[in-house]
C-alpha atoms as a PDB file:
ATOM      1  CA  MET A   1       0.111  -0.145  -0.203  1.00  0.00           C
ATOM      2  CA  ARG A   2       1.554   3.432  -1.184  1.00  0.00           C
ATOM      3  CA  LYS A   3       1.730   6.097   1.538  1.00  0.00           C
ATOM      4  CA  ILE A   4      -1.765   7.799   2.189  1.00  0.00           C
ATOM      5  CA  SER A   5      -1.382  11.299   3.748  1.00  0.00           C
ATOM      6  CA  PRO A   6      -3.646  13.554   5.918  1.00  0.00           C
ATOM      7  CA  SER A   7      -4.921  15.997   3.502  1.00  0.00           C
ATOM      8  CA  ASP A   8      -5.562  12.331   1.460  1.00  0.00           C
ATOM      9  CA  LEU A   9      -7.963  11.283   4.650  1.00  0.00           C
ATOM     10  CA  ALA A  10      -9.537  15.242   5.317  1.00  0.00           C
ATOM     11  CA  THR A  11     -10.611  14.404   1.143  1.00  0.00           C
ATOM     12  CA  PHE A  12     -12.504  11.081   1.805  1.00  0.00           C
ATOM     13  CA  LEU A  13     -13.624  12.644   5.043  1.00  0.00           C
ATOM     14  CA  ALA A  14     -15.612  15.990   3.328  1.00  0.00           C
ATOM     15  CA  ILE A  15     -17.036  13.128   1.178  1.00  0.00           C
ATOM     16  CA  SER A  16     -18.126  11.391   3.396  1.00  0.00           C
ATOM     17  CA  HIS A  17     -19.547  14.114   5.950  1.00  0.00           C
ATOM     18  CA  HIS A  18     -21.728  15.122   2.471  1.00  0.00           C
ATOM     19  CA  ARG A  19     -22.207  12.397   0.465  1.00  0.00           C
ATOM     20  CA  SER A  20     -21.901  14.711  -2.469  1.00  0.00           C
ATOM     21  CA  PHE A  21     -19.399  15.613  -4.222  1.00  0.00           C
ATOM     22  CA  ARG A  22     -20.082  19.145  -5.405  1.00  0.00           C
ATOM     23  CA  LYS A  23     -20.723  20.002  -1.450  1.00  0.00           C
ATOM     24  CA  ALA A  24     -17.277  18.802  -0.538  1.00  0.00           C
ATOM     25  CA  ALA A  25     -16.044  20.314  -3.398  1.00  0.00           C
ATOM     26  CA  VAL A  26     -17.426  24.186  -2.170  1.00  0.00           C
ATOM     27  CA  GLU A  27     -15.927  22.700   1.332  1.00  0.00           C
ATOM     28  CA  LEU A  28     -12.048  22.021   0.196  1.00  0.00           C
ATOM     29  CA  GLY A  29     -11.664  24.871  -2.544  1.00  0.00           C
ATOM     30  CA  VAL A  30     -10.989  22.888  -5.028  1.00  0.00           C
ATOM     31  CA  THR A  31     -13.333  21.154  -8.067  1.00  0.00           C
ATOM     32  CA  PRO A  32     -16.013  18.409  -8.256  1.00  0.00           C
ATOM     33  CA  SER A  33     -13.572  16.773 -10.952  1.00  0.00           C
ATOM     34  CA  ALA A  34     -11.093  17.373  -9.359  1.00  0.00           C
ATOM     35  CA  LEU A  35     -12.218  16.032  -5.895  1.00  0.00           C
ATOM     36  CA  SER A  36     -13.444  12.922  -7.907  1.00  0.00           C
ATOM     37  CA  HIS A  37      -9.424  12.547  -9.282  1.00  0.00           C
ATOM     38  CA  SER A  38      -8.074  12.463  -6.066  1.00  0.00           C
ATOM     39  CA  LEU A  39     -10.624   9.942  -4.446  1.00  0.00           C
ATOM     40  CA  ARG A  40      -9.578   7.604  -7.772  1.00  0.00           C
ATOM     41  CA  SER A  41      -5.901   7.883  -6.419  1.00  0.00           C
ATOM     42  CA  ILE A  42      -6.754   7.779  -2.825  1.00  0.00           C
ATOM     43  CA  GLU A  43      -8.356   4.102  -3.621  1.00  0.00           C
ATOM     44  CA  GLU A  44      -5.840   3.317  -6.590  1.00  0.00           C
ATOM     45  CA  ARG A  45      -2.570   3.316  -3.791  1.00  0.00           C
ATOM     46  CA  LEU A  46      -5.548   1.894  -1.388  1.00  0.00           C
ATOM     47  CA  ASP A  47      -6.377  -0.323  -3.419  1.00  0.00           C
ATOM     48  CA  ILE A  48     -10.014  -0.688  -2.506  1.00  0.00           C
ATOM     49  CA  ARG A  49     -12.895   0.734  -3.006  1.00  0.00           C
ATOM     50  CA  LEU A  50     -14.087   3.585  -0.260  1.00  0.00           C
ATOM     51  CA  ILE A  51     -16.968   5.081  -2.184  1.00  0.00           C
ATOM     52  CA  ASN A  52     -19.681   3.768  -4.195  1.00  0.00           C
ATOM     53  CA  ARG A  53     -20.377   7.267  -6.799  1.00  0.00           C
ATOM     54  CA  THR A  54     -23.829   7.002  -9.307  1.00  0.00           C
ATOM     55  CA  THR A  55     -25.057  10.330 -10.659  1.00  0.00           C
ATOM     56  CA  ARG A  56     -27.234  10.759  -8.113  1.00  0.00           C
ATOM     57  CA  SER A  57     -25.956   9.512  -4.691  1.00  0.00           C
ATOM     58  CA  VAL A  58     -22.977   9.032  -3.523  1.00  0.00           C
ATOM     59  CA  ALA A  59     -22.740   5.746  -0.476  1.00  0.00           C
ATOM     60  CA  LEU A  60     -19.705   4.768   1.827  1.00  0.00           C
ATOM     61  CA  THR A  61     -18.688   0.924   0.809  1.00  0.00           C
ATOM     62  CA  GLU A  62     -18.402  -1.509   4.175  1.00  0.00           C
ATOM     63  CA  ALA A  63     -14.664  -0.321   4.026  1.00  0.00           C
ATOM     64  CA  GLY A  64     -15.355   2.898   3.639  1.00  0.00           C
ATOM     65  CA  GLU A  65     -17.768   3.162   6.685  1.00  0.00           C
ATOM     66  CA  GLN A  66     -14.895   1.345   8.293  1.00  0.00           C
ATOM     67  CA  LEU A  67     -12.026   4.047   7.525  1.00  0.00           C
ATOM     68  CA  PHE A  68     -14.929   6.477   8.015  1.00  0.00           C
ATOM     69  CA  THR A  69     -15.611   5.254  11.817  1.00  0.00           C
ATOM     70  CA  ARG A  70     -11.864   5.460  12.989  1.00  0.00           C
ATOM     71  CA  ILE A  71     -11.105   8.160  10.847  1.00  0.00           C
ATOM     72  CA  ASN A  72     -13.234  10.617  11.979  1.00  0.00           C
ATOM     73  CA  PRO A  73     -12.803  10.712  15.697  1.00  0.00           C
ATOM     74  CA  ALA A  74      -9.255  11.645  15.506  1.00  0.00           C
ATOM     75  CA  PHE A  75      -9.550  14.126  12.989  1.00  0.00           C
ATOM     76  CA  LEU A  76     -12.496  16.030  15.560  1.00  0.00           C
ATOM     77  CA  ASP A  77      -9.664  15.583  18.137  1.00  0.00           C
ATOM     78  CA  ILE A  78      -7.306  17.879  16.315  1.00  0.00           C
ATOM     79  CA  GLU A  79     -10.202  19.872  15.514  1.00  0.00           C
ATOM     80  CA  ASP A  80     -10.626  20.580  18.977  1.00  0.00           C
ATOM     81  CA  ALA A  81      -6.886  20.854  19.587  1.00  0.00           C
ATOM     82  CA  LEU A  82      -6.539  23.413  17.503  1.00  0.00           C
ATOM     83  CA  GLU A  83      -9.450  25.234  19.074  1.00  0.00           C
ATOM     84  CA  ASP A  84      -7.882  24.821  22.106  1.00  0.00           C
ATOM     85  CA  LEU A  85      -5.602  27.899  21.492  1.00  0.00           C
ATOM     86  CA  ASN A  86      -8.811  30.591  20.852  1.00  0.00           C
ATOM     87  CA  ALA A  87      -8.257  30.667  24.761  1.00  0.00           C
ATOM     88  CA  PHE A  88      -5.062  32.334  24.477  1.00  0.00           C
ATOM     89  CA  ARG A  89      -6.343  35.121  22.162  1.00  0.00           C
ATOM     90  CA  GLY A  90      -8.889  38.119  23.913  1.00  0.00           C
ATOM     91  CA  GLN A  91     -12.127  37.232  21.380  1.00  0.00           C
ATOM     92  CA  PRO A  92     -13.533  34.140  20.715  1.00  0.00           C
ATOM     93  CA  SER A  93     -13.396  33.710  16.562  1.00  0.00           C
ATOM     94  CA  GLY A  94     -13.863  30.518  14.420  1.00  0.00           C
ATOM     95  CA  LYS A  95     -16.688  29.131  12.101  1.00  0.00           C
ATOM     96  CA  LEU A  96     -20.043  27.522  13.120  1.00  0.00           C
ATOM     97  CA  ARG A  97     -22.399  26.340  11.276  1.00  0.00           C
ATOM     98  CA  ILE A  98     -26.224  25.323  12.143  1.00  0.00           C
ATOM     99  CA  ASN A  99     -28.803  23.435  10.835  1.00  0.00           C
ATOM    100  CA  ALA A 100     -32.424  24.768  11.774  1.00  0.00           C
ATOM    101  CA  SER A 101     -35.653  24.548  10.750  1.00  0.00           C
ATOM    102  CA  ARG A 102     -37.101  26.966   8.569  1.00  0.00           C
ATOM    103  CA  ALA A 103     -39.693  28.253  11.616  1.00  0.00           C
ATOM    104  CA  ALA A 104     -37.175  27.909  14.185  1.00  0.00           C
ATOM    105  CA  ALA A 105     -34.189  30.092  11.830  1.00  0.00           C
ATOM    106  CA  LYS A 106     -36.953  33.225  11.384  1.00  0.00           C
ATOM    107  CA  LEU A 107     -39.103  33.434  14.457  1.00  0.00           C
ATOM    108  CA  VAL A 108     -36.180  32.989  16.615  1.00  0.00           C
ATOM    109  CA  LEU A 109     -32.534  31.861  15.492  1.00  0.00           C
ATOM    110  CA  LEU A 110     -31.579  35.023  13.255  1.00  0.00           C
ATOM    111  CA  PRO A 111     -32.802  37.520  15.358  1.00  0.00           C
ATOM    112  CA  ILE A 112     -30.235  35.986  17.783  1.00  0.00           C
ATOM    113  CA  ILE A 113     -27.563  35.203  15.943  1.00  0.00           C
ATOM    114  CA  SER A 114     -27.170  39.017  14.243  1.00  0.00           C
ATOM    115  CA  ARG A 115     -27.589  40.491  18.130  1.00  0.00           C
ATOM    116  CA  PHE A 116     -24.347  37.885  18.598  1.00  0.00           C
ATOM    117  CA  LEU A 117     -22.316  38.892  15.754  1.00  0.00           C
ATOM    118  CA  LYS A 118     -22.272  42.380  16.836  1.00  0.00           C
ATOM    119  CA  VAL A 119     -20.652  41.411  20.108  1.00  0.00           C
ATOM    120  CA  TYR A 120     -18.348  38.603  18.397  1.00  0.00           C
ATOM    121  CA  SER A 121     -17.182  40.117  14.813  1.00  0.00           C
ATOM    122  CA  GLU A 122     -14.138  37.070  14.798  1.00  0.00           C
ATOM    123  CA  VAL A 123     -16.756  34.222  14.623  1.00  0.00           C
ATOM    124  CA  GLU A 124     -18.997  33.393  10.787  1.00  0.00           C
ATOM    125  CA  VAL A 125     -22.121  31.975  10.766  1.00  0.00           C
ATOM    126  CA  GLU A 126     -23.521  29.783   8.707  1.00  0.00           C
ATOM    127  CA  LEU A 127     -26.788  28.753   8.589  1.00  0.00           C
ATOM    128  CA  VAL A 128     -28.315  26.527   6.875  1.00  0.00           C
ATOM    129  CA  VAL A 129     -31.918  26.098   6.663  1.00  0.00           C
ATOM    130  CA  ASP A 130     -33.912  22.624   6.381  1.00  0.00           C
ATOM    131  CA  ASP A 131     -36.573  21.243   7.439  1.00  0.00           C
ATOM    132  CA  ALA A 132     -36.049  17.609   7.176  1.00  0.00           C
ATOM    133  CA  LEU A 133     -34.416  16.581  10.588  1.00  0.00           C
ATOM    134  CA  VAL A 134     -30.430  15.699   9.559  1.00  0.00           C
ATOM    135  CA  ASP A 135     -28.095  13.620  11.336  1.00  0.00           C
ATOM    136  CA  MET A 136     -26.116  16.316  12.906  1.00  0.00           C
ATOM    137  CA  VAL A 137     -22.663  14.936  13.408  1.00  0.00           C
ATOM    138  CA  SER A 138     -22.323  13.170  10.042  1.00  0.00           C
ATOM    139  CA  ALA A 139     -23.440  16.192   8.067  1.00  0.00           C
ATOM    140  CA  GLY A 140     -20.872  18.342   9.648  1.00  0.00           C
ATOM    141  CA  PHE A 141     -23.573  21.028  12.089  1.00  0.00           C
ATOM    142  CA  ASP A 142     -22.014  22.169  15.036  1.00  0.00           C
ATOM    143  CA  ALA A 143     -25.328  22.095  16.291  1.00  0.00           C
ATOM    144  CA  GLY A 144     -28.984  22.314  14.974  1.00  0.00           C
ATOM    145  CA  VAL A 145     -32.306  23.672  16.394  1.00  0.00           C
ATOM    146  CA  ARG A 146     -35.773  22.425  16.556  1.00  0.00           C
ATOM    147  CA  PHE A 147     -38.759  21.148  19.227  1.00  0.00           C
ATOM    148  CA  GLY A 148     -37.827  19.449  21.909  1.00  0.00           C
ATOM    149  CA  GLU A 149     -39.387  16.774  21.387  1.00  0.00           C
ATOM    150  CA  MET A 150     -37.567  15.989  18.245  1.00  0.00           C
ATOM    151  CA  ILE A 151     -33.998  16.296  19.845  1.00  0.00           C
ATOM    152  CA  ALA A 152     -32.476  12.731  20.353  1.00  0.00           C
ATOM    153  CA  ALA A 153     -31.646  11.928  24.435  1.00  0.00           C
ATOM    154  CA  ASP A 154     -27.547  12.175  23.470  1.00  0.00           C
ATOM    155  CA  MET A 155     -27.830  16.132  22.572  1.00  0.00           C
ATOM    156  CA  ILE A 156     -27.400  18.716  25.033  1.00  0.00           C
ATOM    157  CA  ALA A 157     -29.926  21.258  24.939  1.00  0.00           C
ATOM    158  CA  VAL A 158     -30.412  24.727  25.362  1.00  0.00           C
ATOM    159  CA  PRO A 159     -33.321  26.430  25.318  1.00  0.00           C
ATOM    160  CA  VAL A 160     -33.601  29.708  22.254  1.00  0.00           C
ATOM    161  CA  GLY A 161     -36.185  32.175  22.945  1.00  0.00           C
ATOM    162  CA  PRO A 162     -39.284  31.820  24.364  1.00  0.00           C
ATOM    163  CA  ARG A 163     -42.548  29.222  24.665  1.00  0.00           C
ATOM    164  CA  HIS A 164     -44.584  28.863  21.527  1.00  0.00           C
ATOM    165  CA  ARG A 165     -48.134  28.496  21.278  1.00  0.00           C
ATOM    166  CA  PHE A 166     -50.008  27.623  17.635  1.00  0.00           C
ATOM    167  CA  ALA A 167     -53.464  29.055  16.040  1.00  0.00           C
ATOM    168  CA  VAL A 168     -55.805  27.635  13.717  1.00  0.00           C
ATOM    169  CA  VAL A 169     -56.881  30.274  11.294  1.00  0.00           C
ATOM    170  CA  GLY A 170     -58.925  31.161   8.487  1.00  0.00           C
ATOM    171  CA  SER A 171     -59.818  33.776   6.545  1.00  0.00           C
ATOM    172  CA  PRO A 172     -63.023  35.895   6.483  1.00  0.00           C
ATOM    173  CA  GLU A 173     -63.757  34.518   3.365  1.00  0.00           C
ATOM    174  CA  HIS A 174     -63.636  30.811   4.692  1.00  0.00           C
ATOM    175  CA  PHE A 175     -65.998  31.459   7.516  1.00  0.00           C
ATOM    176  CA  GLU A 176     -68.578  32.735   5.183  1.00  0.00           C
ATOM    177  CA  ARG A 177     -68.820  29.421   3.493  1.00  0.00           C
ATOM    178  CA  HIS A 178     -68.236  27.163   6.573  1.00  0.00           C
ATOM    179  CA  PRO A 179     -69.092  27.675  10.936  1.00  0.00           C
ATOM    180  CA  ALA A 180     -66.374  27.850  13.161  1.00  0.00           C
ATOM    181  CA  PRO A 181     -65.440  24.658  14.791  1.00  0.00           C
ATOM    182  CA  VAL A 182     -66.130  24.951  18.484  1.00  0.00           C
ATOM    183  CA  SER A 183     -63.760  21.486  18.760  1.00  0.00           C
ATOM    184  CA  PRO A 184     -61.234  19.999  17.425  1.00  0.00           C
ATOM    185  CA  GLN A 185     -62.910  16.888  16.241  1.00  0.00           C
ATOM    186  CA  ASP A 186     -65.140  19.422  13.997  1.00  0.00           C
ATOM    187  CA  LEU A 187     -61.827  19.880  12.208  1.00  0.00           C
ATOM    188  CA  ASN A 188     -63.078  16.131  10.381  1.00  0.00           C
ATOM    189  CA  HIS A 189     -65.347  17.601   8.341  1.00  0.00           C
ATOM    190  CA  HIS A 190     -63.511  21.177   7.370  1.00  0.00           C
ATOM    191  CA  PRO A 191     -61.290  22.165   4.944  1.00  0.00           C
ATOM    192  CA  CYS A 192     -57.712  21.941   6.189  1.00  0.00           C
ATOM    193  CA  ILE A 193     -54.399  23.180   4.878  1.00  0.00           C
ATOM    194  CA  ARG A 194     -52.099  19.923   5.487  1.00  0.00           C
ATOM    195  CA  TYR A 195     -48.653  20.368   6.355  1.00  0.00           C
ATOM    196  CA  ARG A 196     -46.117  16.924   5.055  1.00  0.00           C
ATOM    197  CA  PHE A 197     -42.470  16.785   6.098  1.00  0.00           C
ATOM    198  CA  ALA A 198     -39.784  15.765   3.777  1.00  0.00           C
ATOM    199  CA  SER A 199     -40.298  12.473   5.216  1.00  0.00           C
ATOM    200  CA  GLY A 200     -43.351  12.175   3.770  1.00  0.00           C
ATOM    201  CA  ALA A 201     -45.798  12.543   6.667  1.00  0.00           C
ATOM    202  CA  PHE A 202     -48.321  14.866   7.500  1.00  0.00           C
ATOM    203  CA  TYR A 203     -48.407  16.214  10.432  1.00  0.00           C
ATOM    204  CA  ARG A 204     -50.953  15.966  12.601  1.00  0.00           C
ATOM    205  CA  TRP A 205     -52.535  18.927  14.628  1.00  0.00           C
ATOM    206  CA  GLU A 206     -51.985  18.890  18.181  1.00  0.00           C
ATOM    207  CA  PHE A 207     -54.087  19.817  20.998  1.00  0.00           C
ATOM    208  CA  GLU A 208     -54.633  20.074  24.996  1.00  0.00           C
ATOM    209  CA  LYS A 209     -57.146  20.886  27.258  1.00  0.00           C
ATOM    210  CA  GLY A 210     -58.612  20.010  30.828  1.00  0.00           C
ATOM    211  CA  GLY A 211     -56.034  17.261  30.816  1.00  0.00           C
ATOM    212  CA  ILE A 212     -57.312  16.241  27.279  1.00  0.00           C
ATOM    213  CA  GLU A 213     -54.846  15.207  24.785  1.00  0.00           C
ATOM    214  CA  LEU A 214     -56.088  14.990  21.224  1.00  0.00           C
ATOM    215  CA  GLU A 215     -54.032  15.041  17.509  1.00  0.00           C
ATOM    216  CA  ILE A 216     -56.038  15.856  14.273  1.00  0.00           C
ATOM    217  CA  GLU A 217     -54.801  14.425  10.901  1.00  0.00           C
ATOM    218  CA  VAL A 218     -57.025  17.205   9.057  1.00  0.00           C
ATOM    219  CA  GLN A 219     -58.095  16.083   5.645  1.00  0.00           C
ATOM    220  CA  GLY A 220     -58.087  19.092   2.659  1.00  0.00           C
ATOM    221  CA  SER A 221     -57.532  19.237  -0.698  1.00  0.00           C
ATOM    222  CA  LEU A 222     -54.254  21.499  -0.432  1.00  0.00           C
ATOM    223  CA  THR A 223     -51.161  19.814   0.823  1.00  0.00           C
ATOM    224  CA  LEU A 224     -47.570  22.492   1.346  1.00  0.00           C
ATOM    225  CA  GLY A 225     -44.606  21.434   2.802  1.00  0.00           C
ATOM    226  CA  ASP A 226     -43.623  25.582   3.413  1.00  0.00           C
ATOM    227  CA  GLN A 227     -45.296  27.326   6.460  1.00  0.00           C
ATOM    228  CA  ASP A 228     -45.597  30.733   4.680  1.00  0.00           C
ATOM    229  CA  LEU A 229     -46.979  29.269   1.945  1.00  0.00           C
ATOM    230  CA  MET A 230     -49.593  27.861   4.170  1.00  0.00           C
ATOM    231  CA  LEU A 231     -49.840  31.496   5.948  1.00  0.00           C
ATOM    232  CA  GLU A 232     -50.616  32.764   2.212  1.00  0.00           C
ATOM    233  CA  ALA A 233     -53.302  30.170   1.328  1.00  0.00           C
ATOM    234  CA  ALA A 234     -54.662  30.969   4.570  1.00  0.00           C
ATOM    235  CA  LEU A 235     -55.042  34.478   4.168  1.00  0.00           C
ATOM    236  CA  ASN A 236     -56.106  33.899  -0.010  1.00  0.00           C
ATOM    237  CA  GLY A 237     -59.473  31.363   2.028  1.00  0.00           C
ATOM    238  CA  ALA A 238     -58.042  27.657   0.919  1.00  0.00           C
ATOM    239  CA  GLY A 239     -59.308  26.929   4.640  1.00  0.00           C
ATOM    240  CA  LEU A 240     -57.999  26.486   7.876  1.00  0.00           C
ATOM    241  CA  ALA A 241     -54.021  26.691   8.816  1.00  0.00           C
ATOM    242  CA  TYR A 242     -52.237  25.452  11.754  1.00  0.00           C
ATOM    243  CA  LEU A 243     -49.266  28.168  11.966  1.00  0.00           C
ATOM    244  CA  PHE A 244     -46.948  29.757  14.587  1.00  0.00           C
ATOM    245  CA  GLU A 245     -48.970  32.279  16.815  1.00  0.00           C
ATOM    246  CA  GLU A 246     -46.135  34.730  16.178  1.00  0.00           C
ATOM    247  CA  GLN A 247     -46.732  34.615  12.117  1.00  0.00           C
ATOM    248  CA  VAL A 248     -50.334  35.516  12.313  1.00  0.00           C
ATOM    249  CA  GLN A 249     -50.495  38.051  15.117  1.00  0.00           C
ATOM    250  CA  THR A 250     -50.598  40.763  12.872  1.00  0.00           C
ATOM    251  CA  HIS A 251     -53.586  39.500  10.636  1.00  0.00           C
ATOM    252  CA  ILE A 252     -55.709  38.883  12.917  1.00  0.00           C
ATOM    253  CA  SER A 253     -55.519  42.136  14.462  1.00  0.00           C
ATOM    254  CA  GLU A 254     -55.908  43.661  11.458  1.00  0.00           C
ATOM    255  CA  GLY A 255     -58.373  41.349  10.622  1.00  0.00           C
ATOM    256  CA  ARG A 256     -57.258  39.347   7.950  1.00  0.00           C
ATOM    257  CA  LEU A 257     -57.209  36.027   9.655  1.00  0.00           C
ATOM    258  CA  ARG A 258     -60.338  35.096  12.053  1.00  0.00           C
ATOM    259  CA  ARG A 259     -58.870  32.522  15.082  1.00  0.00           C
ATOM    260  CA  VAL A 260     -60.417  29.832  16.735  1.00  0.00           C
ATOM    261  CA  LEU A 261     -60.507  26.671  19.006  1.00  0.00           C
ATOM    262  CA  ASP A 262     -57.534  29.014  20.862  1.00  0.00           C
ATOM    263  CA  GLU A 263     -58.529  27.622  24.211  1.00  0.00           C
ATOM    264  CA  TRP A 264     -57.263  24.169  22.910  1.00  0.00           C
ATOM    265  CA  CYS A 265     -53.960  25.781  21.946  1.00  0.00           C
ATOM    266  CA  PRO A 266     -51.188  25.653  24.930  1.00  0.00           C
ATOM    267  CA  TYR A 267     -47.993  27.150  24.921  1.00  0.00           C
ATOM    268  CA  TYR A 268     -44.925  24.735  24.127  1.00  0.00           C
ATOM    269  CA  PRO A 269     -41.345  24.885  25.430  1.00  0.00           C
ATOM    270  CA  GLY A 270     -40.171  26.020  22.187  1.00  0.00           C
ATOM    271  CA  PHE A 271     -37.084  25.901  20.197  1.00  0.00           C
ATOM    272  CA  PHE A 272     -33.870  24.254  21.483  1.00  0.00           C
ATOM    273  CA  LEU A 273     -30.348  24.344  20.249  1.00  0.00           C
ATOM    274  CA  TYR A 274     -28.908  21.250  20.384  1.00  0.00           C
ATOM    275  CA  TYR A 275     -25.290  19.614  19.836  1.00  0.00           C
ATOM    276  CA  THR A 276     -23.310  16.811  20.774  1.00  0.00           C
ATOM    277  CA  SER A 277     -22.760  15.525  24.531  1.00  0.00           C
ATOM    278  CA  ARG A 278     -19.811  13.905  22.622  1.00  0.00           C
ATOM    279  CA  ARG A 279     -16.596  16.620  22.251  1.00  0.00           C
ATOM    280  CA  GLN A 280     -15.111  19.143  23.386  1.00  0.00           C
ATOM    281  CA  LEU A 281     -17.270  22.567  22.316  1.00  0.00           C
ATOM    282  CA  PRO A 282     -14.790  24.903  19.854  1.00  0.00           C
ATOM    283  CA  THR A 283     -14.501  28.135  21.241  1.00  0.00           C
ATOM    284  CA  ALA A 284     -16.965  29.853  18.776  1.00  0.00           C
ATOM    285  CA  MET A 285     -19.701  26.926  20.040  1.00  0.00           C
ATOM    286  CA  ARG A 286     -19.417  28.108  23.547  1.00  0.00           C
ATOM    287  CA  ALA A 287     -19.539  31.663  23.266  1.00  0.00           C
ATOM    288  CA  PHE A 288     -22.650  31.000  21.381  1.00  0.00           C
ATOM    289  CA  VAL A 289     -24.369  28.370  24.131  1.00  0.00           C
ATOM    290  CA  ASP A 290     -23.071  31.331  26.826  1.00  0.00           C
ATOM    291  CA  PHE A 291     -24.749  34.146  24.743  1.00  0.00           C
ATOM    292  CA  LEU A 292     -27.945  32.086  24.611  1.00  0.00           C
ATOM    293  CA  LYS A 293     -28.030  31.308  28.069  1.00  0.00           C
ATOM    294  CA  THR A 294     -27.881  34.918  28.986  1.00  0.00           C
ATOM    295  CA  GLU A 295     -30.411  36.025  26.543  1.00  0.00           C
ATOM    296  CA  ASN A 296     -32.895  33.469  28.203  1.00  0.00           C
ATOM    297  CA  ARG A 297     -32.528  34.995  31.726  1.00  0.00           C
END
């Protein structure tokens, strides 16, 4: 076996993390074709295939999975060692990659990041908006932001922003054609705007009152995968929508939307920043976590 250098292993790790030659090439500052050539050279020197690639997918072979499992922790340790040097600087620095749902990014995270960067000008933040649940660590993110019930048990979670509440809303035009529901069960006979997750599953509307908890899989002729579009559809009279209270408050106060089932919509803990408990926090990440805790006081 001919010599394999740390830079060769870094090339393999970038492809393994992203499962994409294009995204890995952007990270490494090379072209996808140059990256593909580098991987072929590595595999030839090792005399073994590490990655199966087609025009549509990139997947690790069994040998590739074993190599990734063995060397990824070592490279994380090297990153942590380099990050430790930031303790000798007066100001935290470095890059943060955060994955968040669209609602989390818009309602709470982006304003907080903007305030954080005014204080910590040496830090760079990349915010990736993605409503699908991703493996944060394998995808190369430092942290993610989701609702508390969506966070794995082995993650550390820090509250982001205030508690949240949902609202069931429809346009005045909608209520001219349909009676207002008085209980969640009435939604079974109402045209609703449904939300489908990236996984393909429909979101079940959640309600609670007097210790009674209900989940309703509503019906309707319009299904969307974006809450901003759901709001526009509700304003256009397409049906009832289940949205964050913050998204619709102005429209309700100005008469463009009417709220129903208010007493069935309790407050929830809200969004959480989550990160792995299995490695030391980089100084930039530690600064961001401490900033969040200060904001939550």
